[in-house]
């Protein structure tokens, strides 16, 4: 719901996304918020990461994204906790 009203930059096209692991295109930044368009070509992934206490809102404009959340085990390793398709 938070991202539903965010505009998609009109000049953003699939040609902006490359075969690198994924493409990050800054859209807007304020003191409290950063909006980034992230483009994945089929099969691309991001590494496991956290947002260091910040919140992340996702809006899929086209296609589908598989999101996998992880939990940290007592020995410090990570294991998948749940996945969902966005």
Protein backbone atom coordinates (compact mmCIF):
# COMPACT_ATOMS: atom_id res chain seq x y z
CA UNK A 1 0.00 0.00 0.00
CA UNK A 2 2.81 2.43 0.79
CA UNK A 3 4.32 2.14 -2.67
CA UNK A 4 1.09 1.95 -4.67
CA UNK A 5 0.96 5.70 -5.30
CA UNK A 6 4.62 6.20 -6.13
CA UNK A 7 4.97 7.24 -9.75
CA UNK A 8 7.04 5.17 -12.12
CA UNK A 9 9.52 7.49 -13.84
CA UNK A 10 8.09 7.92 -17.37
CA UNK A 11 11.50 7.67 -19.01
CA UNK A 12 12.36 4.36 -17.32
CA UNK A 13 12.39 1.52 -19.84
CA UNK A 14 13.59 -2.12 -19.89
CA UNK A 15 16.62 -0.90 -21.85
CA UNK A 16 17.81 0.78 -18.63
CA UNK A 17 18.29 -2.63 -17.03
CA UNK A 18 21.38 -4.60 -17.92
CA UNK A 19 22.89 -8.04 -17.53
CA UNK A 20 24.80 -7.00 -14.39
CA UNK A 21 23.54 -8.76 -11.25
CA UNK A 22 20.78 -6.13 -11.15
CA UNK A 23 20.42 -2.43 -11.93
CA UNK A 24 19.76 0.32 -9.36
CA UNK A 25 18.42 3.62 -10.66
CA UNK A 26 17.92 6.44 -8.11
CA UNK A 27 14.47 8.04 -8.45
CA UNK A 28 14.08 10.35 -5.45
CA UNK A 29 15.81 11.04 -2.15
CA UNK A 30 14.77 13.08 0.86
CA UNK A 31 16.08 13.24 4.42
CA UNK A 32 13.72 10.37 5.36
CA UNK A 33 13.19 8.38 2.18
CA UNK A 34 15.09 6.95 -0.75
CA UNK A 35 13.24 5.61 -3.79
CA UNK A 36 15.22 3.36 -6.11
CA UNK A 37 14.06 1.52 -9.21
CA UNK A 38 15.70 -1.88 -9.21
CA UNK A 39 15.55 -3.91 -12.38
CA UNK A 40 16.12 -7.62 -12.57
CA UNK A 41 16.34 -9.54 -15.81
CA UNK A 42 14.99 -13.11 -15.52
CA UNK A 43 17.31 -15.23 -13.40
CA UNK A 44 19.16 -12.34 -11.76
CA UNK A 45 19.43 -12.24 -7.97
CA UNK A 46 20.64 -10.02 -5.18
CA UNK A 47 22.81 -11.30 -2.38
CA UNK A 48 21.31 -11.96 1.05
CA UNK A 49 21.26 -8.62 2.86
CA UNK A 50 19.45 -6.63 5.51
CA UNK A 51 18.42 -3.00 5.63
CA UNK A 52 20.17 -2.19 8.91
CA UNK A 53 17.10 -1.11 10.83
CA UNK A 54 15.45 0.76 7.98
CA UNK A 55 12.25 -0.32 6.31
CA UNK A 56 11.97 -1.58 2.77
CA UNK A 57 8.86 -1.27 0.63
CA UNK A 58 8.62 -3.17 -2.65
CA UNK A 59 6.40 -2.46 -5.63
CA UNK A 60 6.64 -4.76 -8.62
CA UNK A 61 5.84 -2.76 -11.74
CA UNK A 62 6.22 -5.57 -14.25
CA UNK A 63 6.86 -9.30 -13.93
CA UNK A 64 7.31 -11.27 -10.72
CA UNK A 65 9.92 -11.30 -7.96
CA UNK A 66 10.68 -14.19 -5.62
CA UNK A 67 11.48 -12.82 -2.17
CA UNK A 68 13.13 -15.14 0.36
CA UNK A 69 13.47 -14.06 3.99
CA UNK A 70 16.15 -15.64 6.17
CA UNK A 71 16.59 -16.21 9.89
CA UNK A 72 19.88 -16.26 11.76
CA UNK A 73 20.59 -19.47 13.64
CA UNK A 74 22.34 -19.57 17.03
CA UNK A 75 25.63 -20.49 15.32
CA UNK A 76 25.41 -17.33 13.17
CA UNK A 77 24.53 -19.04 9.90
CA UNK A 78 21.41 -18.17 7.90
CA UNK A 79 18.62 -20.43 6.73
CA UNK A 80 15.61 -19.62 4.54
CA UNK A 81 12.57 -18.87 6.71
CA UNK A 82 9.92 -18.18 4.05
CA UNK A 83 9.51 -17.23 0.42
CA UNK A 84 6.79 -15.47 -1.53
CA UNK A 85 6.22 -14.31 -5.07
CA UNK A 86 5.54 -10.60 -5.47
